[in-house]
N, C-alpha and C. Protein backbone atom coordinates (compact mmCIF):
# COMPACT_ATOMS: atom_id res chain seq x y z
N MET A 1 -45.68 -0.05 -52.96
CA MET A 1 -44.41 0.38 -52.88
C MET A 1 -44.34 1.45 -51.48
N LYS A 2 -45.35 1.74 -51.63
CA LYS A 2 -45.80 2.83 -50.07
C LYS A 2 -45.75 2.13 -48.76
N SER A 3 -46.37 0.85 -49.22
CA SER A 3 -46.94 -0.28 -47.88
C SER A 3 -45.35 -0.35 -47.33
N ASN A 4 -44.55 -1.05 -48.10
CA ASN A 4 -43.17 -1.54 -47.95
C ASN A 4 -42.57 -0.30 -47.24
N ARG A 5 -42.61 1.00 -47.59
CA ARG A 5 -41.75 1.77 -47.16
C ARG A 5 -42.29 2.29 -45.74
N ALA A 6 -43.49 2.30 -45.58
CA ALA A 6 -44.52 2.34 -44.35
C ALA A 6 -43.95 1.38 -43.23
N PHE A 7 -43.74 -0.04 -43.71
CA PHE A 7 -43.71 -0.85 -42.93
C PHE A 7 -42.35 -0.99 -42.64
N GLY A 8 -41.09 -0.58 -43.15
CA GLY A 8 -39.57 -0.49 -42.85
C GLY A 8 -39.74 0.55 -41.79
N MET A 9 -40.62 1.87 -42.17
CA MET A 9 -40.15 2.76 -41.12
C MET A 9 -40.96 2.10 -40.01
N LEU A 10 -42.42 1.31 -39.84
CA LEU A 10 -42.68 0.93 -38.41
C LEU A 10 -41.58 0.38 -37.94
N LYS A 11 -40.91 -0.74 -39.02
CA LYS A 11 -39.81 -1.78 -38.27
C LYS A 11 -39.05 -1.06 -37.54
N LEU A 12 -38.23 0.15 -38.24
CA LEU A 12 -37.18 0.97 -37.42
C LEU A 12 -37.60 1.44 -36.42
N ALA A 13 -38.91 2.07 -35.91
CA ALA A 13 -39.27 2.64 -34.80
C ALA A 13 -39.81 1.49 -33.62
N ALA A 14 -40.32 0.58 -34.29
CA ALA A 14 -40.07 -0.81 -33.19
C ALA A 14 -38.99 -1.22 -32.80
N SER A 15 -37.76 -1.15 -33.32
CA SER A 15 -36.29 -1.43 -33.10
C SER A 15 -36.04 -0.23 -32.11
N LEU A 16 -36.20 0.93 -32.61
CA LEU A 16 -35.56 1.92 -31.78
C LEU A 16 -36.13 1.78 -30.18
N ALA A 17 -37.28 1.70 -30.59
CA ALA A 17 -38.58 0.98 -29.29
C ALA A 17 -37.41 0.41 -28.51
N GLY A 18 -37.35 -0.73 -28.99
CA GLY A 18 -36.74 -1.54 -28.42
C GLY A 18 -35.39 -1.54 -27.58
N VAL A 19 -34.85 -0.43 -28.34
CA VAL A 19 -33.69 -0.38 -27.91
C VAL A 19 -33.42 0.53 -26.60
N ALA A 20 -34.45 1.61 -26.75
CA ALA A 20 -34.57 2.72 -25.39
C ALA A 20 -35.50 1.98 -24.32
N MET A 21 -35.71 0.84 -24.77
CA MET A 21 -36.39 0.20 -23.38
C MET A 21 -35.48 -0.55 -23.03
N LEU A 22 -34.34 -1.31 -23.63
CA LEU A 22 -33.44 -1.92 -22.75
C LEU A 22 -32.37 -1.01 -22.69
N LEU A 23 -32.25 0.39 -23.02
CA LEU A 23 -30.91 0.90 -22.22
C LEU A 23 -31.63 1.57 -21.11
N SER A 24 -33.27 1.85 -20.97
CA SER A 24 -33.51 2.69 -19.74
C SER A 24 -33.74 1.11 -18.59
N GLY A 25 -33.61 0.00 -19.03
CA GLY A 25 -33.75 -0.65 -18.07
C GLY A 25 -32.46 -1.19 -17.60
N CYS A 26 -31.24 -0.55 -18.13
CA CYS A 26 -30.05 -1.03 -17.86
C CYS A 26 -29.65 -0.48 -16.38
N ARG A 27 -29.14 -0.97 -15.39
CA ARG A 27 -28.71 -0.42 -14.08
C ARG A 27 -26.93 0.13 -14.47
N LEU A 28 -26.37 1.21 -13.96
CA LEU A 28 -25.19 1.19 -13.99
C LEU A 28 -24.29 1.20 -12.80
N ASP A 29 -25.36 0.85 -11.84
CA ASP A 29 -24.61 0.80 -10.46
C ASP A 29 -23.13 0.14 -10.28
N MET A 30 -23.11 -0.80 -10.98
CA MET A 30 -21.40 -1.69 -11.14
C MET A 30 -20.37 -0.79 -11.66
N HIS A 31 -20.85 0.00 -12.60
CA HIS A 31 -20.05 0.76 -12.95
C HIS A 31 -19.66 2.16 -12.46
N VAL A 32 -20.63 2.80 -11.93
CA VAL A 32 -20.78 4.07 -11.09
C VAL A 32 -20.91 3.74 -9.68
N GLN A 33 -20.07 3.00 -8.77
CA GLN A 33 -19.77 2.87 -7.72
C GLN A 33 -19.48 4.11 -6.76
N PRO A 34 -19.81 4.09 -5.84
CA PRO A 34 -19.26 5.33 -4.65
C PRO A 34 -18.12 4.95 -4.40
N LYS A 35 -17.04 5.90 -4.05
CA LYS A 35 -15.55 5.37 -3.69
C LYS A 35 -15.43 5.89 -2.10
N TYR A 36 -15.16 5.57 -1.36
CA TYR A 36 -14.78 5.99 0.02
C TYR A 36 -13.58 6.14 0.46
N LEU A 37 -13.60 7.35 1.50
CA LEU A 37 -12.08 7.42 1.88
C LEU A 37 -12.11 6.34 3.58
N PRO A 38 -10.79 5.95 3.92
CA PRO A 38 -11.01 5.28 5.21
C PRO A 38 -11.72 6.04 6.02
N TYR A 39 -12.90 5.19 6.62
CA TYR A 39 -13.62 6.30 7.93
C TYR A 39 -14.32 7.32 7.27
N GLU A 40 -14.92 7.17 6.23
CA GLU A 40 -15.37 8.39 5.50
C GLU A 40 -17.19 8.07 5.64
N PRO A 41 -18.07 8.89 6.26
CA PRO A 41 -19.63 8.94 6.35
C PRO A 41 -20.16 8.28 5.03
N THR A 42 -21.44 7.42 5.36
CA THR A 42 -21.88 7.03 4.17
C THR A 42 -23.26 6.83 5.07
N ASP A 43 -24.48 7.49 3.68
CA ASP A 43 -25.60 6.97 4.03
C ASP A 43 -26.52 5.82 3.27
N PHE A 44 -25.14 4.77 2.93
CA PHE A 44 -25.65 3.67 2.55
C PHE A 44 -26.18 2.83 3.55
N PHE A 45 -25.08 2.32 4.46
CA PHE A 45 -25.25 1.74 5.78
C PHE A 45 -26.13 2.09 6.98
N GLY A 46 -27.07 1.78 7.71
CA GLY A 46 -27.74 1.93 8.52
C GLY A 46 -26.70 2.97 9.96
N ASP A 47 -25.33 2.29 9.99
CA ASP A 47 -24.94 2.83 10.98
C ASP A 47 -24.16 4.23 10.50
N GLY A 48 -24.20 4.54 9.33
CA GLY A 48 -23.74 5.57 8.54
C GLY A 48 -21.75 5.45 8.08
N ARG A 49 -21.33 4.50 8.62
CA ARG A 49 -19.98 4.06 8.27
C ARG A 49 -19.79 3.44 7.41
N SER A 50 -18.57 3.67 6.33
CA SER A 50 -18.30 3.30 5.26
C SER A 50 -17.66 1.94 5.37
N GLU A 51 -16.95 2.00 6.72
CA GLU A 51 -16.14 0.84 6.91
C GLU A 51 -17.03 -0.43 7.83
N ARG A 52 -16.88 -1.86 7.24
CA ARG A 52 -17.26 -2.63 7.95
C ARG A 52 -16.92 -3.03 9.24
N PRO A 53 -17.60 -3.40 10.27
CA PRO A 53 -16.91 -4.02 11.52
C PRO A 53 -16.58 -5.11 11.26
N VAL A 54 -15.71 -5.43 11.97
CA VAL A 54 -15.08 -7.19 11.98
C VAL A 54 -15.78 -7.84 12.36
N ILE A 55 -16.00 -8.67 11.98
CA ILE A 55 -17.04 -10.33 12.30
C ILE A 55 -16.70 -10.59 13.73
N THR A 56 -17.56 -10.54 14.56
CA THR A 56 -17.24 -11.21 16.05
C THR A 56 -17.06 -12.71 15.73
N GLY A 57 -15.49 -12.79 16.52
CA GLY A 57 -15.24 -14.08 16.51
C GLY A 57 -13.68 -14.04 15.82
N THR A 58 -13.47 -13.04 14.81
CA THR A 58 -12.56 -13.23 13.78
C THR A 58 -11.16 -13.29 14.64
N VAL A 59 -10.24 -13.85 14.35
CA VAL A 59 -8.83 -14.29 15.09
C VAL A 59 -7.75 -13.62 14.11
N ALA A 60 -6.92 -12.52 14.42
CA ALA A 60 -5.90 -12.35 13.78
C ALA A 60 -5.03 -13.21 13.37
N ARG A 61 -4.36 -13.31 12.21
CA ARG A 61 -3.41 -14.59 12.21
C ARG A 61 -2.14 -14.02 11.32
N GLY A 62 -0.76 -13.30 12.32
CA GLY A 62 0.15 -13.43 11.72
C GLY A 62 -0.06 -11.74 11.53
N HIS A 63 -1.10 -10.88 12.05
CA HIS A 63 -0.96 -9.49 11.92
C HIS A 63 -1.26 -8.97 13.41
N LEU A 64 -1.22 -9.65 14.53
CA LEU A 64 -2.01 -9.19 15.74
C LEU A 64 -0.85 -8.18 16.66
N HIS A 65 0.66 -8.58 16.43
CA HIS A 65 1.97 -8.15 16.80
C HIS A 65 1.29 -7.95 18.37
N ASP A 66 1.26 -8.76 19.24
CA ASP A 66 0.69 -8.59 20.42
C ASP A 66 1.87 -8.76 21.47
N ASP A 67 3.29 -8.69 20.81
CA ASP A 67 4.38 -9.10 21.64
C ASP A 67 5.37 -7.95 21.39
N GLU A 68 4.92 -7.08 22.45
CA GLU A 68 5.62 -5.84 22.33
C GLU A 68 7.15 -5.68 22.17
N LEU A 69 7.78 -6.65 23.10
CA LEU A 69 9.14 -6.73 22.86
C LEU A 69 9.54 -7.29 21.24
N PHE A 70 9.29 -7.98 20.73
CA PHE A 70 9.31 -8.64 19.62
C PHE A 70 8.84 -7.80 18.41
N TYR A 71 8.07 -6.88 18.48
CA TYR A 71 7.82 -6.07 17.13
C TYR A 71 7.70 -4.76 17.53
N THR A 72 8.49 -4.27 18.53
CA THR A 72 8.76 -2.85 18.97
C THR A 72 10.24 -2.74 19.57
N GLY A 73 10.79 -3.49 20.06
CA GLY A 73 12.07 -3.18 20.84
C GLY A 73 12.12 -2.83 22.32
N GLN A 74 10.64 -2.81 22.76
CA GLN A 74 10.73 -1.78 23.90
C GLN A 74 9.82 -2.68 24.33
N GLU A 75 10.04 -2.91 26.26
CA GLU A 75 8.93 -3.37 27.27
C GLU A 75 8.52 -2.06 28.04
N ASN A 76 7.33 -2.29 28.28
CA ASN A 76 6.27 -1.20 28.94
C ASN A 76 7.06 0.29 28.68
N GLY A 77 7.12 0.20 27.37
CA GLY A 77 7.34 1.91 26.41
C GLY A 77 8.52 2.10 27.02
N ALA A 78 9.69 1.05 27.33
CA ALA A 78 11.07 1.68 27.71
C ALA A 78 11.88 0.59 26.44
N VAL A 79 12.86 1.27 25.74
CA VAL A 79 13.64 0.42 24.83
C VAL A 79 14.34 -0.74 25.75
N ALA A 80 14.27 -1.78 25.50
CA ALA A 80 14.74 -3.16 26.16
C ALA A 80 16.06 -3.54 25.81
N ASP A 81 16.77 -3.98 26.92
CA ASP A 81 18.28 -4.31 26.44
C ASP A 81 18.43 -6.08 26.55
N LYS A 82 17.23 -6.79 25.76
CA LYS A 82 17.26 -8.13 25.78
C LYS A 82 16.78 -8.54 24.51
N PHE A 83 17.05 -9.77 24.29
CA PHE A 83 16.43 -10.09 22.95
C PHE A 83 14.97 -10.85 23.43
N PRO A 84 14.10 -11.12 22.15
CA PRO A 84 12.70 -11.66 22.54
C PRO A 84 12.88 -13.50 22.57
N PHE A 85 14.08 -13.98 21.96
CA PHE A 85 14.32 -15.07 21.96
C PHE A 85 15.65 -15.46 22.02
N PRO A 86 15.92 -17.05 22.25
CA PRO A 86 17.21 -17.36 22.57
C PRO A 86 18.32 -16.99 21.44
N ILE A 87 19.25 -16.21 21.10
CA ILE A 87 20.27 -16.25 20.04
C ILE A 87 21.12 -17.52 19.96
N THR A 88 20.77 -18.08 18.87
CA THR A 88 21.73 -19.58 18.80
C THR A 88 22.71 -18.99 17.61
N LYS A 89 23.46 -19.88 17.49
CA LYS A 89 24.83 -19.40 16.45
C LYS A 89 24.12 -19.31 15.27
N ALA A 90 23.10 -20.17 14.88
CA ALA A 90 22.41 -20.13 13.48
C ALA A 90 21.78 -18.91 13.24
N ASP A 91 21.65 -18.21 14.47
CA ASP A 91 20.89 -16.77 14.41
C ASP A 91 21.80 -15.71 14.22
N ILE A 92 23.13 -15.47 14.74
CA ILE A 92 24.51 -15.13 14.44
C ILE A 92 24.52 -15.19 13.06
N GLU A 93 24.79 -16.24 12.39
CA GLU A 93 25.14 -16.36 10.95
C GLU A 93 24.22 -15.64 10.35
N ARG A 94 22.97 -16.05 10.55
CA ARG A 94 21.34 -15.05 9.80
C ARG A 94 21.89 -13.88 9.75
N GLY A 95 22.15 -13.29 11.07
CA GLY A 95 22.29 -11.60 11.36
C GLY A 95 23.55 -11.25 10.61
N ARG A 96 24.51 -11.95 10.54
CA ARG A 96 26.26 -11.77 9.62
C ARG A 96 25.36 -11.49 8.09
N GLN A 97 24.67 -12.38 7.91
CA GLN A 97 24.35 -12.73 6.11
C GLN A 97 23.42 -11.29 5.99
N ARG A 98 22.48 -11.31 6.82
CA ARG A 98 21.58 -9.97 6.76
C ARG A 98 22.10 -8.51 6.62
N TYR A 99 23.25 -8.23 7.40
CA TYR A 99 24.04 -7.61 7.99
C TYR A 99 24.81 -7.20 6.51
N ASN A 100 25.32 -8.38 6.41
CA ASN A 100 26.23 -8.22 4.79
C ASN A 100 25.55 -7.17 3.64
N ILE A 101 24.42 -7.69 3.19
CA ILE A 101 23.41 -7.11 2.50
C ILE A 101 22.97 -6.19 2.72
N TYR A 102 22.45 -5.79 3.94
CA TYR A 102 21.76 -4.59 3.79
C TYR A 102 22.47 -3.28 4.56
N CYS A 103 23.43 -3.66 5.77
CA CYS A 103 24.53 -2.77 6.55
C CYS A 103 25.60 -2.34 5.85
N THR A 104 26.40 -3.18 5.45
CA THR A 104 27.88 -2.88 5.04
C THR A 104 27.94 -1.91 4.20
N PRO A 105 27.10 -1.52 3.31
CA PRO A 105 27.07 -0.36 2.39
C PRO A 105 27.79 1.03 3.15
N CYS A 106 26.97 0.99 4.22
CA CYS A 106 27.17 2.45 5.05
C CYS A 106 27.95 2.12 6.01
N HIS A 107 27.91 1.01 6.82
CA HIS A 107 28.55 0.68 8.38
C HIS A 107 29.65 0.02 8.38
N ASP A 108 30.45 -0.78 6.70
CA ASP A 108 31.30 -1.37 6.64
C ASP A 108 30.99 -2.57 7.27
N TYR A 109 31.98 -3.72 6.95
CA TYR A 109 31.58 -5.15 7.61
C TYR A 109 32.20 -5.09 9.20
N THR A 110 32.99 -4.11 9.34
CA THR A 110 33.55 -4.11 10.65
C THR A 110 32.54 -3.35 11.40
N GLY A 111 31.87 -2.68 10.92
CA GLY A 111 30.87 -1.93 11.74
C GLY A 111 31.60 -0.17 12.21
N ASN A 112 32.59 -0.02 11.35
CA ASN A 112 32.98 0.84 11.84
C ASN A 112 32.78 2.56 11.04
N GLY A 113 31.56 2.22 10.10
CA GLY A 113 30.96 3.39 9.54
C GLY A 113 31.72 4.06 8.49
N GLN A 114 32.51 3.08 8.03
CA GLN A 114 33.01 3.52 6.37
C GLN A 114 33.03 2.70 5.35
N GLY A 115 31.35 2.53 5.25
CA GLY A 115 31.07 1.26 3.86
C GLY A 115 31.51 2.57 2.69
N MET A 116 31.48 1.48 1.66
CA MET A 116 31.84 1.69 0.30
C MET A 116 31.09 3.49 -0.01
N ILE A 117 29.64 3.46 0.15
CA ILE A 117 28.83 4.25 -0.18
C ILE A 117 29.42 5.65 0.53
N VAL A 118 29.91 5.62 1.84
CA VAL A 118 30.54 6.70 2.75
C VAL A 118 31.79 7.00 1.77
N GLN A 119 32.71 5.97 1.55
CA GLN A 119 33.92 6.48 1.00
C GLN A 119 33.67 7.10 -0.19
N ARG A 120 32.54 6.86 -1.06
CA ARG A 120 31.74 7.98 -2.22
C ARG A 120 31.43 9.26 -2.00
N GLY A 121 31.09 9.53 -0.57
CA GLY A 121 30.61 10.90 -0.02
C GLY A 121 29.41 10.88 0.74
N PHE A 122 28.79 9.69 1.19
CA PHE A 122 27.64 9.81 1.58
C PHE A 122 27.77 10.30 3.12
N PRO A 123 26.91 10.61 3.86
CA PRO A 123 27.33 10.75 5.34
C PRO A 123 27.65 9.73 6.29
N PRO A 124 28.65 9.72 7.07
CA PRO A 124 29.15 8.56 7.54
C PRO A 124 27.98 8.16 8.79
N PRO A 125 27.64 6.99 8.99
CA PRO A 125 27.06 6.91 10.27
C PRO A 125 28.15 6.58 11.63
N PRO A 126 27.77 6.91 12.83
CA PRO A 126 28.69 6.57 13.80
C PRO A 126 29.31 4.86 13.79
N SER A 127 30.35 5.19 13.87
CA SER A 127 30.78 3.43 14.54
C SER A 127 30.31 2.72 15.65
N PHE A 128 29.87 1.58 15.50
CA PHE A 128 29.42 0.73 16.58
C PHE A 128 30.29 0.46 17.50
N HIS A 129 31.17 0.83 17.26
CA HIS A 129 32.42 0.65 18.46
C HIS A 129 32.66 1.72 19.53
N ILE A 130 31.77 2.90 19.09
CA ILE A 130 32.08 3.89 20.32
C ILE A 130 31.23 3.67 21.73
N GLN A 131 31.76 4.41 22.33
CA GLN A 131 30.86 4.11 23.91
C GLN A 131 29.77 4.44 23.71
N ARG A 132 28.90 5.00 23.21
CA ARG A 132 27.65 5.22 23.48
C ARG A 132 26.54 4.28 22.64
N LEU A 133 27.13 3.31 21.63
CA LEU A 133 26.49 2.27 20.98
C LEU A 133 26.97 1.14 21.43
N ARG A 134 28.19 0.99 22.03
CA ARG A 134 28.68 -0.37 23.07
C ARG A 134 27.38 -0.05 24.23
N GLU A 135 27.09 0.89 24.66
CA GLU A 135 26.45 0.96 26.10
C GLU A 135 24.67 0.96 25.57
N ALA A 136 24.53 1.06 24.26
CA ALA A 136 23.34 1.18 23.74
C ALA A 136 21.91 -0.29 24.11
N PRO A 137 21.40 -0.07 24.47
CA PRO A 137 20.47 -1.56 24.51
C PRO A 137 20.22 -2.19 23.17
N ALA A 138 20.08 -3.68 23.16
CA ALA A 138 19.75 -4.29 22.07
C ALA A 138 18.52 -3.96 21.05
N GLY A 139 17.71 -3.28 21.82
CA GLY A 139 16.26 -2.46 21.20
C GLY A 139 16.56 -0.94 20.72
N HIS A 140 17.70 -1.01 21.39
CA HIS A 140 17.98 0.45 20.19
C HIS A 140 18.17 0.08 18.43
N PHE A 141 18.70 -0.71 18.51
CA PHE A 141 19.37 -1.22 17.34
C PHE A 141 18.12 -1.85 16.50
N TYR A 142 17.39 -2.53 16.96
CA TYR A 142 15.91 -3.12 16.33
C TYR A 142 15.25 -1.96 16.23
N GLU A 143 15.08 -0.87 16.62
CA GLU A 143 14.06 0.03 16.54
C GLU A 143 15.02 1.01 15.33
N VAL A 144 16.15 1.39 15.47
CA VAL A 144 16.34 2.07 14.20
C VAL A 144 16.74 1.19 12.89
N ILE A 145 16.41 0.23 12.93
CA ILE A 145 16.14 -0.55 11.87
C ILE A 145 14.87 -0.60 11.29
N THR A 146 14.15 -0.57 12.19
CA THR A 146 12.77 -0.70 11.71
C THR A 146 11.75 0.63 11.44
N ASN A 147 12.71 1.94 12.16
CA ASN A 147 11.96 3.38 12.10
C ASN A 147 13.22 4.13 11.25
N GLY A 148 14.38 3.54 11.04
CA GLY A 148 15.34 4.67 10.49
C GLY A 148 16.04 5.61 11.32
N TYR A 149 16.81 6.30 11.07
CA TYR A 149 17.51 7.07 12.15
C TYR A 149 18.18 8.17 11.27
N GLY A 150 17.97 9.41 11.60
CA GLY A 150 19.27 10.49 10.91
C GLY A 150 18.76 10.16 9.31
N VAL A 151 19.90 10.04 8.36
CA VAL A 151 19.77 10.22 7.28
C VAL A 151 19.48 8.74 6.57
N MET A 152 19.36 7.69 7.78
CA MET A 152 19.11 6.01 7.45
C MET A 152 17.69 6.02 7.31
N PHE A 153 17.13 5.35 6.24
CA PHE A 153 15.57 5.09 6.09
C PHE A 153 15.20 4.06 6.79
N SER A 154 14.33 3.73 7.07
CA SER A 154 13.36 2.68 7.36
C SER A 154 13.93 1.32 6.73
N TYR A 155 14.22 0.01 7.29
CA TYR A 155 14.31 -1.06 6.62
C TYR A 155 13.12 -2.18 6.74
N ALA A 156 11.89 -1.42 7.65
CA ALA A 156 11.11 -2.71 7.96
C ALA A 156 10.35 -3.23 6.61
N ALA A 157 10.32 -2.66 5.50
CA ALA A 157 9.94 -3.10 4.49
C ALA A 157 10.76 -4.32 3.86
N ARG A 158 12.37 -4.21 4.01
CA ARG A 158 13.03 -4.93 3.88
C ARG A 158 13.55 -6.26 4.69
N VAL A 159 13.60 -5.95 5.72
CA VAL A 159 13.99 -6.76 6.75
C VAL A 159 13.07 -7.24 8.10
N GLU A 160 12.74 -8.55 7.88
CA GLU A 160 11.50 -9.10 8.84
C GLU A 160 12.05 -9.01 10.20
N PRO A 161 10.76 -8.80 10.96
CA PRO A 161 11.19 -8.36 12.64
C PRO A 161 12.05 -9.66 13.08
N ALA A 162 12.32 -10.66 13.09
CA ALA A 162 13.32 -11.71 13.24
C ALA A 162 14.33 -11.39 13.06
N ASP A 163 14.64 -11.24 11.67
CA ASP A 163 15.98 -10.87 11.16
C ASP A 163 16.32 -9.52 11.44
N ARG A 164 15.62 -8.52 12.04
CA ARG A 164 16.04 -7.26 12.81
C ARG A 164 16.92 -7.75 14.05
N TRP A 165 16.44 -8.68 14.90
CA TRP A 165 16.88 -8.79 16.13
C TRP A 165 18.49 -9.43 15.47
N ARG A 166 18.15 -10.72 14.82
CA ARG A 166 19.28 -11.18 14.17
C ARG A 166 20.58 -10.45 13.95
N ILE A 167 20.33 -8.98 13.25
CA ILE A 167 21.14 -8.52 12.99
C ILE A 167 21.50 -7.82 14.24
N ALA A 168 20.80 -7.33 15.21
CA ALA A 168 21.33 -6.83 16.43
C ALA A 168 22.43 -7.48 17.08
N ALA A 169 21.78 -8.66 17.12
CA ALA A 169 23.02 -9.87 18.13
C ALA A 169 24.24 -9.70 17.03
N TYR A 170 24.17 -9.50 15.96
CA TYR A 170 25.47 -9.49 15.03
C TYR A 170 25.78 -8.25 15.18
N ILE A 171 25.66 -7.65 15.46
CA ILE A 171 26.09 -6.30 15.93
C ILE A 171 26.68 -6.35 17.34
N ARG A 172 26.29 -7.04 18.26
CA ARG A 172 26.92 -7.23 19.05
C ARG A 172 28.01 -8.21 19.54
N ALA A 173 28.00 -8.87 18.57
CA ALA A 173 29.09 -9.79 18.19
C ALA A 173 30.35 -8.69 17.81
N LEU A 174 29.93 -8.04 16.50
CA LEU A 174 31.09 -6.98 15.92
C LEU A 174 31.70 -6.29 17.00
N GLN A 175 30.84 -5.76 18.07
CA GLN A 175 31.37 -4.86 19.14
C GLN A 175 32.24 -5.73 20.10
N LEU A 176 31.84 -6.80 20.09
CA LEU A 176 32.65 -7.74 21.15
C LEU A 176 33.99 -8.09 20.52
N SER A 177 33.93 -8.06 19.21
CA SER A 177 35.16 -8.34 18.61
C SER A 177 36.24 -7.69 19.01
N GLU A 178 35.75 -6.61 18.61
CA GLU A 178 36.67 -5.14 18.68
C GLU A 178 36.96 -4.70 20.30
N HIS A 179 36.37 -4.94 21.27
CA HIS A 179 36.70 -4.81 22.30
C HIS A 179 36.88 -6.28 23.53
N ALA A 180 37.21 -7.41 23.05
CA ALA A 180 37.18 -8.33 24.11
C ALA A 180 38.73 -8.19 24.49
N ALA A 181 38.52 -9.26 25.75
CA ALA A 181 39.74 -9.12 26.05
C ALA A 181 40.01 -10.98 26.41
N VAL A 182 41.04 -11.25 26.15
CA VAL A 182 41.74 -12.57 26.83
C VAL A 182 40.78 -13.26 27.72
N SER A 183 40.68 -12.49 28.62
CA SER A 183 40.06 -13.03 30.10
C SER A 183 38.82 -13.70 29.48
N ASP A 184 37.86 -12.83 28.47
CA ASP A 184 36.57 -13.36 27.78
C ASP A 184 36.46 -14.82 26.95
N VAL A 185 37.69 -15.21 26.79
CA VAL A 185 37.95 -16.09 26.01
C VAL A 185 37.91 -17.61 26.83
N PRO A 186 36.88 -18.69 26.75
CA PRO A 186 36.82 -19.66 27.60
C PRO A 186 38.02 -20.60 28.10
N ASP A 187 38.18 -20.98 29.28
CA ASP A 187 39.75 -21.67 29.47
C ASP A 187 39.83 -22.66 27.99
N THR A 188 38.61 -23.53 27.81
CA THR A 188 38.81 -24.43 26.69
C THR A 188 39.51 -23.94 25.66
N ASP A 189 39.71 -22.85 25.29
CA ASP A 189 39.69 -22.35 24.20
C ASP A 189 41.02 -21.30 24.07
N ARG A 190 41.73 -21.27 25.40
CA ARG A 190 42.62 -20.17 25.22
C ARG A 190 44.16 -20.87 24.97
N SER A 191 43.99 -22.08 24.85
CA SER A 191 45.27 -22.48 24.06
C SER A 191 45.19 -22.55 23.01
N LYS A 192 44.04 -22.21 21.82
CA LYS A 192 43.99 -22.19 20.60
C LYS A 192 44.60 -20.90 20.32
N LEU A 193 44.19 -20.18 21.21
CA LEU A 193 44.85 -18.76 20.90
C LEU A 193 46.60 -18.38 21.02
N SER A 194 46.99 -18.92 22.07
CA SER A 194 48.25 -19.04 22.12
C SER A 194 49.15 -19.92 20.99
N GLN A 195 48.60 -21.20 20.78
CA GLN A 195 49.15 -21.85 19.26
C GLN A 195 49.05 -20.92 18.05
N SER A 196 47.61 -20.35 17.89
CA SER A 196 47.86 -19.64 16.95
C SER A 196 48.94 -18.20 16.72
N ASN A 197 49.05 -17.33 18.04
CA ASN A 197 49.82 -16.56 18.07
C ASN A 197 51.54 -17.30 17.96
N ALA A 198 51.39 -17.85 18.59
CA ALA A 198 52.99 -18.98 17.97
C ALA A 198 53.27 -19.10 17.15
N GLY A 199 52.37 -19.83 15.94
CA GLY A 199 52.39 -19.47 14.31
C GLY A 199 52.61 -18.40 13.87
N ASN A 200 51.62 -17.57 14.12
CA ASN A 200 52.01 -16.23 13.32
C ASN A 200 53.51 -15.74 13.65
N LYS A 201 53.96 -15.94 15.09
CA LYS A 201 55.41 -15.23 15.30
C LYS A 201 56.34 -16.02 14.33
N GLU A 202 56.35 -17.49 13.93
CA GLU A 202 57.30 -17.94 13.29
C GLU A 202 57.21 -17.57 11.87
């Protein structure tokens, strides 16, 4: 009886010793890892930097942003009055679609600054048809969409760069529509205007 009890105690002691050995052999490195803030120093790497240098020959794909005009609306640090790519009818249509989605709540469909939320008490933005904005360079509108202005927040996360330019082109079209003269219409299309006016008089 005593021998069985002694054997049981010996077995328990051996089990506990085995568990202790297993626990002492476990490494918690994967569970207790150091957490570094950007550019925080560390003694883990020989150069003392926690961030690793880019591998030699790495090529940025889609994130280089080396086209200053396209990504900033500026050239040589000054706001540009041109577009970084030729504007086609399809670009204007895309710009109109994006404008109607993102801009009309404040700026209205005509660009007069009297959108629906303005009619409900939100501070009105300036009309695109005032002299200052008619004379503003195209890059100005790109910059405002990108960075925000006044109470308008940035739309950079919502509107991709190419679409910001298309919206700027559509704003130019809105401005032209409000201030165009008959002389701006090509000769081949003026007869259509005359016919339209005659039909309205009837």
